[in-house]
Amino acid sequence: GHATSELDVYGDTFDPSVLSSSTRATRADGFVLTEDGFEQGSTVDVTP
C-alpha cells in the first residue's frame, strides 16, 4: 500500500480507511502492529 510497493494507495502515511477497502491488500504475508509507524532499516515484528 506504500508508494514503494506494487500497491500504491497511501503514499508514506498509512491510511487505514483506504487500505481497508483494497482487496489486493490481502496479498500481504502478514502485518506489523505499531502505534508510531516505523523507519526504513529498522527491525519490525511481523505477524504472519
ModelCIF file with pLDDT and N, C-alpha, C, O atoms, coordinates in Angstrom:
data_MODEL
#
_entry.id   MODEL 
#
_entity.id                         1 
_entity.type                       polymer 
_entity.pdbx_number_of_molecules   1 
#
_entity_poly.entity_id                      1 
_entity_poly.type                           'polypeptide(L)' 
_entity_poly.nstd_linkage                   no 
_entity_poly.nstd_monomer                   no 
_entity_poly.pdbx_seq_one_letter_code       GHATSELDVYGDTFDPSVLSSSTRATRADGFVLTEDGFEQGSTVDVTP 
_entity_poly.pdbx_seq_one_letter_code_can   GHATSELDVYGDTFDPSVLSSSTRATRADGFVLTEDGFEQGSTVDVTP 
_entity_poly.pdbx_strand_id                 A 
#
loop_
_entity_poly_seq.entity_id 
_entity_poly_seq.num 
_entity_poly_seq.mon_id 
_entity_poly_seq.hetero 
1 1  GLY n 
1 2  HIS n 
1 3  ALA n 
1 4  THR n 
1 5  SER n 
1 6  GLU n 
1 7  LEU n 
1 8  ASP n 
1 9  VAL n 
1 10 TYR n 
1 11 GLY n 
1 12 ASP n 
1 13 THR n 
1 14 PHE n 
1 15 ASP n 
1 16 PRO n 
1 17 SER n 
1 18 VAL n 
1 19 LEU n 
1 20 SER n 
1 21 SER n 
1 22 SER n 
1 23 THR n 
1 24 ARG n 
1 25 ALA n 
1 26 THR n 
1 27 ARG n 
1 28 ALA n 
1 29 ASP n 
1 30 GLY n 
1 31 PHE n 
1 32 VAL n 
1 33 LEU n 
1 34 THR n 
1 35 GLU n 
1 36 ASP n 
1 37 GLY n 
1 38 PHE n 
1 39 GLU n 
1 40 GLN n 
1 41 GLY n 
1 42 SER n 
1 43 THR n 
1 44 VAL n 
1 45 ASP n 
1 46 VAL n 
1 47 THR n 
1 48 PRO n 
#
_struct_asym.id          A 
_struct_asym.entity_id   1 
#
loop_
_ma_qa_metric.id 
_ma_qa_metric.mode 
_ma_qa_metric.name 
_ma_qa_metric.software_group_id 
_ma_qa_metric.type 
1 global pLDDT . pLDDT 
2 local  pLDDT . pLDDT 
#
_ma_qa_metric_global.metric_id      1 
_ma_qa_metric_global.metric_value   94.65 
_ma_qa_metric_global.model_id       1 
_ma_qa_metric_global.ordinal_id     1 
#
loop_
_ma_qa_metric_local.label_asym_id 
_ma_qa_metric_local.label_comp_id 
_ma_qa_metric_local.label_seq_id 
_ma_qa_metric_local.metric_id 
_ma_qa_metric_local.metric_value 
_ma_qa_metric_local.model_id 
_ma_qa_metric_local.ordinal_id 
A GLY 1  2 95.00 1 1  
A HIS 2  2 95.00 1 2  
A ALA 3  2 93.00 1 3  
A THR 4  2 92.00 1 4  
A SER 5  2 94.00 1 5  
A GLU 6  2 93.00 1 6  
A LEU 7  2 94.00 1 7  
A ASP 8  2 94.00 1 8  
A VAL 9  2 94.00 1 9  
A TYR 10 2 94.00 1 10 
A GLY 11 2 92.00 1 11 
A ASP 12 2 94.00 1 12 
A THR 13 2 96.00 1 13 
A PHE 14 2 96.00 1 14 
A ASP 15 2 94.00 1 15 
A PRO 16 2 94.00 1 16 
A SER 17 2 91.00 1 17 
A VAL 18 2 91.00 1 18 
A LEU 19 2 91.00 1 19 
A SER 20 2 89.00 1 20 
A SER 21 2 87.00 1 21 
A SER 22 2 91.00 1 22 
A THR 23 2 93.00 1 23 
A ARG 24 2 94.00 1 24 
A ALA 25 2 94.00 1 25 
A THR 26 2 93.00 1 26 
A ARG 27 2 95.00 1 27 
A ALA 28 2 96.00 1 28 
A ASP 29 2 96.00 1 29 
A GLY 30 2 96.00 1 30 
A PHE 31 2 96.00 1 31 
A VAL 32 2 97.00 1 32 
A LEU 33 2 97.00 1 33 
A THR 34 2 97.00 1 34 
A GLU 35 2 96.00 1 35 
A ASP 36 2 95.00 1 36 
A GLY 37 2 96.00 1 37 
A PHE 38 2 97.00 1 38 
A GLU 39 2 97.00 1 39 
A GLN 40 2 97.00 1 40 
A GLY 41 2 98.00 1 41 
A SER 42 2 98.00 1 42 
A THR 43 2 98.00 1 43 
A VAL 44 2 98.00 1 44 
A ASP 45 2 97.00 1 45 
A VAL 46 2 97.00 1 46 
A THR 47 2 96.00 1 47 
A PRO 48 2 95.00 1 48 
#
loop_
_atom_site.group_PDB 
_atom_site.id 
_atom_site.type_symbol 
_atom_site.label_atom_id 
_atom_site.label_alt_id 
_atom_site.label_comp_id 
_atom_site.label_asym_id 
_atom_site.label_entity_id 
_atom_site.label_seq_id 
_atom_site.pdbx_PDB_ins_code 
_atom_site.Cartn_x 
_atom_site.Cartn_y 
_atom_site.Cartn_z 
_atom_site.occupancy 
_atom_site.B_iso_or_equiv 
_atom_site.pdbx_formal_charge 
_atom_site.auth_seq_id 
_atom_site.auth_comp_id 
_atom_site.auth_asym_id 
_atom_site.auth_atom_id 
_atom_site.pdbx_PDB_model_num 
ATOM 1   N N  . GLY A 1 1  ? 0.816   -1.203  0.000  1.00 95.00 ? 1  GLY A N  1 
ATOM 2   C CA . GLY A 1 1  ? 0.000   0.000   0.000  1.00 95.00 ? 1  GLY A CA 1 
ATOM 3   C C  . GLY A 1 1  ? 0.852   1.257   0.000  1.00 95.00 ? 1  GLY A C  1 
ATOM 4   O O  . GLY A 1 1  ? 0.391   2.338   -0.366 1.00 95.00 ? 1  GLY A O  1 
ATOM 5   N N  . HIS A 1 2  ? 2.113   1.097   0.419  1.00 95.00 ? 2  HIS A N  1 
ATOM 6   C CA . HIS A 1 2  ? 3.067   2.200   0.422  1.00 95.00 ? 2  HIS A CA 1 
ATOM 7   C C  . HIS A 1 2  ? 3.451   2.552   -1.016 1.00 95.00 ? 2  HIS A C  1 
ATOM 8   O O  . HIS A 1 2  ? 3.306   1.740   -1.930 1.00 95.00 ? 2  HIS A O  1 
ATOM 9   N N  . ALA A 1 3  ? 3.940   3.774   -1.194 1.00 93.00 ? 3  ALA A N  1 
ATOM 10  C CA . ALA A 1 3  ? 4.299   4.246   -2.536 1.00 93.00 ? 3  ALA A CA 1 
ATOM 11  C C  . ALA A 1 3  ? 5.372   3.387   -3.186 1.00 93.00 ? 3  ALA A C  1 
ATOM 12  O O  . ALA A 1 3  ? 5.469   3.342   -4.412 1.00 93.00 ? 3  ALA A O  1 
ATOM 13  N N  . THR A 1 4  ? 6.189   2.697   -2.372 1.00 92.00 ? 4  THR A N  1 
ATOM 14  C CA . THR A 1 4  ? 7.266   1.881   -2.933 1.00 92.00 ? 4  THR A CA 1 
ATOM 15  C C  . THR A 1 4  ? 6.840   0.448   -3.242 1.00 92.00 ? 4  THR A C  1 
ATOM 16  O O  . THR A 1 4  ? 7.638   -0.332  -3.764 1.00 92.00 ? 4  THR A O  1 
ATOM 17  N N  . SER A 1 5  ? 5.593   0.090   -2.928 1.00 94.00 ? 5  SER A N  1 
ATOM 18  C CA . SER A 1 5  ? 5.129   -1.283  -3.148 1.00 94.00 ? 5  SER A CA 1 
ATOM 19  C C  . SER A 1 5  ? 4.354   -1.381  -4.456 1.00 94.00 ? 5  SER A C  1 
ATOM 20  O O  . SER A 1 5  ? 4.098   -0.376  -5.119 1.00 94.00 ? 5  SER A O  1 
ATOM 21  N N  . GLU A 1 6  ? 3.981   -2.618  -4.816 1.00 93.00 ? 6  GLU A N  1 
ATOM 22  C CA . GLU A 1 6  ? 3.197   -2.803  -6.043 1.00 93.00 ? 6  GLU A CA 1 
ATOM 23  C C  . GLU A 1 6  ? 1.776   -2.270  -5.914 1.00 93.00 ? 6  GLU A C  1 
ATOM 24  O O  . GLU A 1 6  ? 1.060   -2.142  -6.908 1.00 93.00 ? 6  GLU A O  1 
ATOM 25  N N  . LEU A 1 7  ? 1.364   -1.955  -4.658 1.00 94.00 ? 7  LEU A N  1 
ATOM 26  C CA . LEU A 1 7  ? 0.039   -1.389  -4.409 1.00 94.00 ? 7  LEU A CA 1 
ATOM 27  C C  . LEU A 1 7  ? 0.225   -0.017  -3.777 1.00 94.00 ? 7  LEU A C  1 
ATOM 28  O O  . LEU A 1 7  ? 0.431   0.083   -2.568 1.00 94.00 ? 7  LEU A O  1 
ATOM 29  N N  . ASP A 1 8  ? 0.156   1.031   -4.573 1.00 94.00 ? 8  ASP A N  1 
ATOM 30  C CA . ASP A 1 8  ? 0.411   2.392   -4.092 1.00 94.00 ? 8  ASP A CA 1 
ATOM 31  C C  . ASP A 1 8  ? -0.929  3.067   -3.829 1.00 94.00 ? 8  ASP A C  1 
ATOM 32  O O  . ASP A 1 8  ? -1.532  3.651   -4.729 1.00 94.00 ? 8  ASP A O  1 
ATOM 33  N N  . VAL A 1 9  ? -1.397  2.975   -2.553 1.00 94.00 ? 9  VAL A N  1 
ATOM 34  C CA . VAL A 1 9  ? -2.697  3.576   -2.239 1.00 94.00 ? 9  VAL A CA 1 
ATOM 35  C C  . VAL A 1 9  ? -2.637  4.592   -1.107 1.00 94.00 ? 9  VAL A C  1 
ATOM 36  O O  . VAL A 1 9  ? -3.614  5.305   -0.876 1.00 94.00 ? 9  VAL A O  1 
ATOM 37  N N  . TYR A 1 10 ? -1.495  4.679   -0.383 1.00 94.00 ? 10 TYR A N  1 
ATOM 38  C CA . TYR A 1 10 ? -1.483  5.659   0.700  1.00 94.00 ? 10 TYR A CA 1 
ATOM 39  C C  . TYR A 1 10 ? -0.197  6.476   0.797  1.00 94.00 ? 10 TYR A C  1 
ATOM 40  O O  . TYR A 1 10 ? -0.039  7.223   1.762  1.00 94.00 ? 10 TYR A O  1 
ATOM 41  N N  . GLY A 1 11 ? 0.707   6.372   -0.133 1.00 92.00 ? 11 GLY A N  1 
ATOM 42  C CA . GLY A 1 11 ? 1.922   7.175   -0.065 1.00 92.00 ? 11 GLY A CA 1 
ATOM 43  C C  . GLY A 1 11 ? 2.807   6.756   1.080  1.00 92.00 ? 11 GLY A C  1 
ATOM 44  O O  . GLY A 1 11 ? 3.115   5.573   1.223  1.00 92.00 ? 11 GLY A O  1 
ATOM 45  N N  . ASP A 1 12 ? 3.232   7.721   1.916  1.00 94.00 ? 12 ASP A N  1 
ATOM 46  C CA . ASP A 1 12 ? 4.121   7.432   3.045  1.00 94.00 ? 12 ASP A CA 1 
ATOM 47  C C  . ASP A 1 12 ? 3.380   7.349   4.377  1.00 94.00 ? 12 ASP A C  1 
ATOM 48  O O  . ASP A 1 12 ? 3.882   6.748   5.327  1.00 94.00 ? 12 ASP A O  1 
ATOM 49  N N  . THR A 1 13 ? 2.196   7.944   4.455  1.00 96.00 ? 13 THR A N  1 
ATOM 50  C CA . THR A 1 13 ? 1.433   7.951   5.705  1.00 96.00 ? 13 THR A CA 1 
ATOM 51  C C  . THR A 1 13 ? 0.318   6.919   5.609  1.00 96.00 ? 13 THR A C  1 
ATOM 52  O O  . THR A 1 13 ? -0.547  7.000   4.737  1.00 96.00 ? 13 THR A O  1 
ATOM 53  N N  . PHE A 1 14 ? 0.349   5.956   6.510  1.00 96.00 ? 14 PHE A N  1 
ATOM 54  C CA . PHE A 1 14 ? -0.606  4.851   6.472  1.00 96.00 ? 14 PHE A CA 1 
ATOM 55  C C  . PHE A 1 14 ? -2.032  5.376   6.595  1.00 96.00 ? 14 PHE A C  1 
ATOM 56  O O  . PHE A 1 14 ? -2.358  6.098   7.538  1.00 96.00 ? 14 PHE A O  1 
ATOM 57  N N  . ASP A 1 15 ? -2.877  5.008   5.636  1.00 94.00 ? 15 ASP A N  1 
ATOM 58  C CA . ASP A 1 15 ? -4.287  5.411   5.627  1.00 94.00 ? 15 ASP A CA 1 
ATOM 59  C C  . ASP A 1 15 ? -5.129  4.147   5.759  1.00 94.00 ? 15 ASP A C  1 
ATOM 60  O O  . ASP A 1 15 ? -5.384  3.475   4.759  1.00 94.00 ? 15 ASP A O  1 
ATOM 61  N N  . PRO A 1 16 ? -5.572  3.804   6.984  1.00 94.00 ? 16 PRO A N  1 
ATOM 62  C CA . PRO A 1 16 ? -6.310  2.559   7.175  1.00 94.00 ? 16 PRO A CA 1 
ATOM 63  C C  . PRO A 1 16 ? -7.637  2.533   6.439  1.00 94.00 ? 16 PRO A C  1 
ATOM 64  O O  . PRO A 1 16 ? -8.106  1.459   6.062  1.00 94.00 ? 16 PRO A O  1 
ATOM 65  N N  . SER A 1 17 ? -8.251  3.686   6.226  1.00 91.00 ? 17 SER A N  1 
ATOM 66  C CA . SER A 1 17 ? -9.539  3.723   5.542  1.00 91.00 ? 17 SER A CA 1 
ATOM 67  C C  . SER A 1 17 ? -9.397  3.277   4.093  1.00 91.00 ? 17 SER A C  1 
ATOM 68  O O  . SER A 1 17 ? -10.177 2.455   3.611  1.00 91.00 ? 17 SER A O  1 
ATOM 69  N N  . VAL A 1 18 ? -8.399  3.823   3.398  1.00 91.00 ? 18 VAL A N  1 
ATOM 70  C CA . VAL A 1 18 ? -8.168  3.439   2.002  1.00 91.00 ? 18 VAL A CA 1 
ATOM 71  C C  . VAL A 1 18 ? -7.674  1.999   1.927  1.00 91.00 ? 18 VAL A C  1 
ATOM 72  O O  . VAL A 1 18 ? -8.154  1.200   1.123  1.00 91.00 ? 18 VAL A O  1 
ATOM 73  N N  . LEU A 1 19 ? -6.693  1.685   2.793  1.00 91.00 ? 19 LEU A N  1 
ATOM 74  C CA . LEU A 1 19 ? -6.111  0.346   2.766  1.00 91.00 ? 19 LEU A CA 1 
ATOM 75  C C  . LEU A 1 19 ? -7.176  -0.717  3.037  1.00 91.00 ? 19 LEU A C  1 
ATOM 76  O O  . LEU A 1 19 ? -7.172  -1.779  2.414  1.00 91.00 ? 19 LEU A O  1 
ATOM 77  N N  . SER A 1 20 ? -8.085  -0.429  3.966  1.00 89.00 ? 20 SER A N  1 
ATOM 78  C CA . SER A 1 20 ? -9.105  -1.397  4.347  1.00 89.00 ? 20 SER A CA 1 
ATOM 79  C C  . SER A 1 20 ? -10.053 -1.719  3.206  1.00 89.00 ? 20 SER A C  1 
ATOM 80  O O  . SER A 1 20 ? -10.692 -2.771  3.204  1.00 89.00 ? 20 SER A O  1 
ATOM 81  N N  . SER A 1 21 ? -10.147 -0.810  2.229  1.00 87.00 ? 21 SER A N  1 
ATOM 82  C CA . SER A 1 21 ? -11.030 -1.036  1.087  1.00 87.00 ? 21 SER A CA 1 
ATOM 83  C C  . SER A 1 21 ? -10.346 -1.799  -0.039 1.00 87.00 ? 21 SER A C  1 
ATOM 84  O O  . SER A 1 21 ? -11.011 -2.264  -0.965 1.00 87.00 ? 21 SER A O  1 
ATOM 85  N N  . SER A 1 22 ? -9.029  -1.933  0.030  1.00 91.00 ? 22 SER A N  1 
ATOM 86  C CA . SER A 1 22 ? -8.279  -2.540  -1.062 1.00 91.00 ? 22 SER A CA 1 
ATOM 87  C C  . SER A 1 22 ? -8.242  -4.051  -0.921 1.00 91.00 ? 22 SER A C  1 
ATOM 88  O O  . SER A 1 22 ? -7.610  -4.570  -0.001 1.00 91.00 ? 22 SER A O  1 
ATOM 89  N N  . THR A 1 23 ? -8.908  -4.760  -1.817 1.00 93.00 ? 23 THR A N  1 
ATOM 90  C CA . THR A 1 23 ? -8.893  -6.223  -1.744 1.00 93.00 ? 23 THR A CA 1 
ATOM 91  C C  . THR A 1 23 ? -7.508  -6.779  -2.070 1.00 93.00 ? 23 THR A C  1 
ATOM 92  O O  . THR A 1 23 ? -7.176  -7.888  -1.652 1.00 93.00 ? 23 THR A O  1 
ATOM 93  N N  . ARG A 1 24 ? -6.700  -6.024  -2.811 1.00 94.00 ? 24 ARG A N  1 
ATOM 94  C CA . ARG A 1 24 ? -5.358  -6.505  -3.127 1.00 94.00 ? 24 ARG A CA 1 
ATOM 95  C C  . ARG A 1 24 ? -4.466  -6.523  -1.887 1.00 94.00 ? 24 ARG A C  1 
ATOM 96  O O  . ARG A 1 24 ? -3.451  -7.219  -1.865 1.00 94.00 ? 24 ARG A O  1 
ATOM 97  N N  . ALA A 1 25 ? -4.835  -5.771  -0.867 1.00 94.00 ? 25 ALA A N  1 
ATOM 98  C CA . ALA A 1 25 ? -4.055  -5.778  0.375  1.00 94.00 ? 25 ALA A CA 1 
ATOM 99  C C  . ALA A 1 25 ? -4.053  -7.158  1.023  1.00 94.00 ? 25 ALA A C  1 
ATOM 100 O O  . ALA A 1 25 ? -3.214  -7.437  1.879  1.00 94.00 ? 25 ALA A O  1 
ATOM 101 N N  . THR A 1 26 ? -4.983  -8.021  0.625  1.00 93.00 ? 26 THR A N  1 
ATOM 102 C CA . THR A 1 26 ? -4.998  -9.384  1.165  1.00 93.00 ? 26 THR A CA 1 
ATOM 103 C C  . THR A 1 26 ? -3.810  -10.198 0.677  1.00 93.00 ? 26 THR A C  1 
ATOM 104 O O  . THR A 1 26 ? -3.577  -11.298 1.178  1.00 93.00 ? 26 THR A O  1 
ATOM 105 N N  . ARG A 1 27 ? -3.053  -9.688  -0.289 1.00 95.00 ? 27 ARG A N  1 
ATOM 106 C CA . ARG A 1 27 ? -1.862  -10.387 -0.770 1.00 95.00 ? 27 ARG A CA 1 
ATOM 107 C C  . ARG A 1 27 ? -0.670  -10.200 0.170  1.00 95.00 ? 27 ARG A C  1 
ATOM 108 O O  . ARG A 1 27 ? 0.417   -10.715 -0.095 1.00 95.00 ? 27 ARG A O  1 
ATOM 109 N N  . ALA A 1 28 ? -0.867  -9.476  1.248  1.00 96.00 ? 28 ALA A N  1 
ATOM 110 C CA . ALA A 1 28 ? 0.199   -9.324  2.244  1.00 96.00 ? 28 ALA A CA 1 
ATOM 111 C C  . ALA A 1 28 ? 0.505   -10.669 2.883  1.00 96.00 ? 28 ALA A C  1 
ATOM 112 O O  . ALA A 1 28 ? -0.362  -11.539 2.964  1.00 96.00 ? 28 ALA A O  1 
ATOM 113 N N  . ASP A 1 29 ? 1.734   -10.833 3.332  1.00 96.00 ? 29 ASP A N  1 
ATOM 114 C CA . ASP A 1 29 ? 2.139   -12.049 4.035  1.00 96.00 ? 29 ASP A CA 1 
ATOM 115 C C  . ASP A 1 29 ? 1.840   -11.969 5.529  1.00 96.00 ? 29 ASP A C  1 
ATOM 116 O O  . ASP A 1 29 ? 1.826   -12.979 6.233  1.00 96.00 ? 29 ASP A O  1 
ATOM 117 N N  . GLY A 1 30 ? 1.604   -10.757 5.990  1.00 96.00 ? 30 GLY A N  1 
ATOM 118 C CA . GLY A 1 30 ? 1.326   -10.545 7.403  1.00 96.00 ? 30 GLY A CA 1 
ATOM 119 C C  . GLY A 1 30 ? 1.213   -9.057  7.664  1.00 96.00 ? 30 GLY A C  1 
ATOM 120 O O  . GLY A 1 30 ? 1.004   -8.277  6.736  1.00 96.00 ? 30 GLY A O  1 
ATOM 121 N N  . PHE A 1 31 ? 1.349   -8.658  8.915  1.00 96.00 ? 31 PHE A N  1 
ATOM 122 C CA . PHE A 1 31 ? 1.236   -7.236  9.236  1.00 96.00 ? 31 PHE A CA 1 
ATOM 123 C C  . PHE A 1 31 ? 2.124   -6.909  10.421 1.00 96.00 ? 31 PHE A C  1 
ATOM 124 O O  . PHE A 1 31 ? 2.529   -7.780  11.192 1.00 96.00 ? 31 PHE A O  1 
ATOM 125 N N  . VAL A 1 32 ? 2.410   -5.624  10.537 1.00 97.00 ? 32 VAL A N  1 
ATOM 126 C CA . VAL A 1 32 ? 3.166   -5.096  11.671 1.00 97.00 ? 32 VAL A CA 1 
ATOM 127 C C  . VAL A 1 32 ? 2.190   -4.311  12.545 1.00 97.00 ? 32 VAL A C  1 
ATOM 128 O O  . VAL A 1 32 ? 1.513   -3.399  12.070 1.00 97.00 ? 32 VAL A O  1 
ATOM 129 N N  . LEU A 1 33 ? 2.124   -4.671  13.819 1.00 97.00 ? 33 LEU A N  1 
ATOM 130 C CA . LEU A 1 33 ? 1.321   -3.901  14.767 1.00 97.00 ? 33 LEU A CA 1 
ATOM 131 C C  . LEU A 1 33 ? 2.189   -2.799  15.358 1.00 97.00 ? 33 LEU A C  1 
ATOM 132 O O  . LEU A 1 33 ? 3.226   -3.080  15.959 1.00 97.00 ? 33 LEU A O  1 
ATOM 133 N N  . THR A 1 34 ? 1.775   -1.549  15.193 1.00 97.00 ? 34 THR A N  1 
ATOM 134 C CA . THR A 1 34 ? 2.583   -0.430  15.683 1.00 97.00 ? 34 THR A CA 1 
ATOM 135 C C  . THR A 1 34 ? 1.678   0.742   16.042 1.00 97.00 ? 34 THR A C  1 
ATOM 136 O O  . THR A 1 34 ? 0.617   0.927   15.445 1.00 97.00 ? 34 THR A O  1 
ATOM 137 N N  . GLU A 1 35 ? 2.102   1.517   17.006 1.00 96.00 ? 35 GLU A N  1 
ATOM 138 C CA . GLU A 1 35 ? 1.381   2.735   17.365 1.00 96.00 ? 35 GLU A CA 1 
ATOM 139 C C  . GLU A 1 35 ? 2.027   3.969   16.750 1.00 96.00 ? 35 GLU A C  1 
ATOM 140 O O  . GLU A 1 35 ? 1.403   5.027   16.674 1.00 96.00 ? 35 GLU A O  1 
ATOM 141 N N  . ASP A 1 36 ? 3.275   3.837   16.313 1.00 95.00 ? 36 ASP A N  1 
ATOM 142 C CA . ASP A 1 36 ? 4.032   5.011   15.883 1.00 95.00 ? 36 ASP A CA 1 
ATOM 143 C C  . ASP A 1 36 ? 4.549   4.943   14.458 1.00 95.00 ? 36 ASP A C  1 
ATOM 144 O O  . ASP A 1 36 ? 5.225   5.870   14.011 1.00 95.00 ? 36 ASP A O  1 
ATOM 145 N N  . GLY A 1 37 ? 4.250   3.864   13.723 1.00 96.00 ? 37 GLY A N  1 
ATOM 146 C CA . GLY A 1 37 ? 4.868   3.681   12.426 1.00 96.00 ? 37 GLY A CA 1 
ATOM 147 C C  . GLY A 1 37 ? 6.278   3.140   12.580 1.00 96.00 ? 37 GLY A C  1 
ATOM 148 O O  . GLY A 1 37 ? 6.644   2.669   13.658 1.00 96.00 ? 37 GLY A O  1 
ATOM 149 N N  . PHE A 1 38 ? 7.076   3.198   11.521 1.00 97.00 ? 38 PHE A N  1 
ATOM 150 C CA . PHE A 1 38 ? 8.448   2.701   11.606 1.00 97.00 ? 38 PHE A CA 1 
ATOM 151 C C  . PHE A 1 38 ? 9.310   3.353   10.532 1.00 97.00 ? 38 PHE A C  1 
ATOM 152 O O  . PHE A 1 38 ? 8.805   3.923   9.564  1.00 97.00 ? 38 PHE A O  1 
ATOM 153 N N  . GLU A 1 39 ? 10.623  3.257   10.728 1.00 97.00 ? 39 GLU A N  1 
ATOM 154 C CA . GLU A 1 39 ? 11.582  3.867   9.804  1.00 97.00 ? 39 GLU A CA 1 
ATOM 155 C C  . GLU A 1 39 ? 12.242  2.802   8.941  1.00 97.00 ? 39 GLU A C  1 
ATOM 156 O O  . GLU A 1 39 ? 12.433  1.661   9.364  1.00 97.00 ? 39 GLU A O  1 
ATOM 157 N N  . GLN A 1 40 ? 12.581  3.198   7.737  1.00 97.00 ? 40 GLN A N  1 
ATOM 158 C CA . GLN A 1 40 ? 13.302  2.291   6.840  1.00 97.00 ? 40 GLN A CA 1 
ATOM 159 C C  . GLN A 1 40 ? 14.590  1.818   7.516  1.00 97.00 ? 40 GLN A C  1 
ATOM 160 O O  . GLN A 1 40 ? 15.321  2.618   8.102  1.00 97.00 ? 40 GLN A O  1 
ATOM 161 N N  . GLY A 1 41 ? 14.858  0.527   7.432  1.00 98.00 ? 41 GLY A N  1 
ATOM 162 C CA . GLY A 1 41 ? 16.057  -0.051  8.022  1.00 98.00 ? 41 GLY A CA 1 
ATOM 163 C C  . GLY A 1 41 ? 15.888  -0.522  9.454  1.00 98.00 ? 41 GLY A C  1 
ATOM 164 O O  . GLY A 1 41 ? 16.745  -1.233  9.977  1.00 98.00 ? 41 GLY A O  1 
ATOM 165 N N  . SER A 1 42 ? 14.790  -0.133  10.095 1.00 98.00 ? 42 SER A N  1 
ATOM 166 C CA . SER A 1 42 ? 14.564  -0.577  11.475 1.00 98.00 ? 42 SER A CA 1 
ATOM 167 C C  . SER A 1 42 ? 14.046  -2.021  11.481 1.00 98.00 ? 42 SER A C  1 
ATOM 168 O O  . SER A 1 42 ? 13.527  -2.509  10.478 1.00 98.00 ? 42 SER A O  1 
ATOM 169 N N  . THR A 1 43 ? 14.193  -2.683  12.612 1.00 98.00 ? 43 THR A N  1 
ATOM 170 C CA . THR A 1 43 ? 13.669  -4.039  12.766 1.00 98.00 ? 43 THR A CA 1 
ATOM 171 C C  . THR A 1 43 ? 12.220  -3.964  13.226 1.00 98.00 ? 43 THR A C  1 
ATOM 172 O O  . THR A 1 43 ? 11.902  -3.278  14.197 1.00 98.00 ? 43 THR A O  1 
ATOM 173 N N  . VAL A 1 44 ? 11.360  -4.663  12.533 1.00 98.00 ? 44 VAL A N  1 
ATOM 174 C CA . VAL A 1 44 ? 9.939   -4.682  12.878 1.00 98.00 ? 44 VAL A CA 1 
ATOM 175 C C  . VAL A 1 44 ? 9.518   -6.123  13.154 1.00 98.00 ? 44 VAL A C  1 
ATOM 176 O O  . VAL A 1 44 ? 10.113  -7.064  12.629 1.00 98.00 ? 44 VAL A O  1 
ATOM 177 N N  . ASP A 1 45 ? 8.494   -6.283  13.976 1.00 97.00 ? 45 ASP A N  1 
ATOM 178 C CA . ASP A 1 45 ? 7.949   -7.603  14.284 1.00 97.00 ? 45 ASP A CA 1 
ATOM 179 C C  . ASP A 1 45 ? 6.736   -7.849  13.395 1.00 97.00 ? 45 ASP A C  1 
ATOM 180 O O  . ASP A 1 45 ? 5.740   -7.130  13.470 1.00 97.00 ? 45 ASP A O  1 
ATOM 181 N N  . VAL A 1 46 ? 6.835   -8.863  12.563 1.00 97.00 ? 46 VAL A N  1 
ATOM 182 C CA . VAL A 1 46 ? 5.761   -9.179  11.607 1.00 97.00 ? 46 VAL A CA 1 
ATOM 183 C C  . VAL A 1 46 ? 4.965   -10.379 12.108 1.00 97.00 ? 46 VAL A C  1 
ATOM 184 O O  . VAL A 1 46 ? 5.536   -11.421 12.430 1.00 97.00 ? 46 VAL A O  1 
ATOM 185 N N  . THR A 1 47 ? 3.663   -10.228 12.172 1.00 96.00 ? 47 THR A N  1 
ATOM 186 C CA . THR A 1 47 ? 2.778   -11.356 12.470 1.00 96.00 ? 47 THR A CA 1 
ATOM 187 C C  . THR A 1 47 ? 2.344   -11.979 11.156 1.00 96.00 ? 47 THR A C  1 
ATOM 188 O O  . THR A 1 47 ? 1.567   -11.368 10.423 1.00 96.00 ? 47 THR A O  1 
ATOM 189 N N  . PRO A 1 48 ? 2.824   -13.185 10.829 1.00 95.00 ? 48 PRO A N  1 
ATOM 190 C CA . PRO A 1 48 ? 2.394   -13.819 9.570  1.00 95.00 ? 48 PRO A CA 1 
ATOM 191 C C  . PRO A 1 48 ? 0.919   -14.197 9.640  1.00 95.00 ? 48 PRO A C  1 
ATOM 192 O O  . PRO A 1 48 ? 0.374   -14.741 8.679  1.00 95.00 ? 48 PRO A O  1 
#
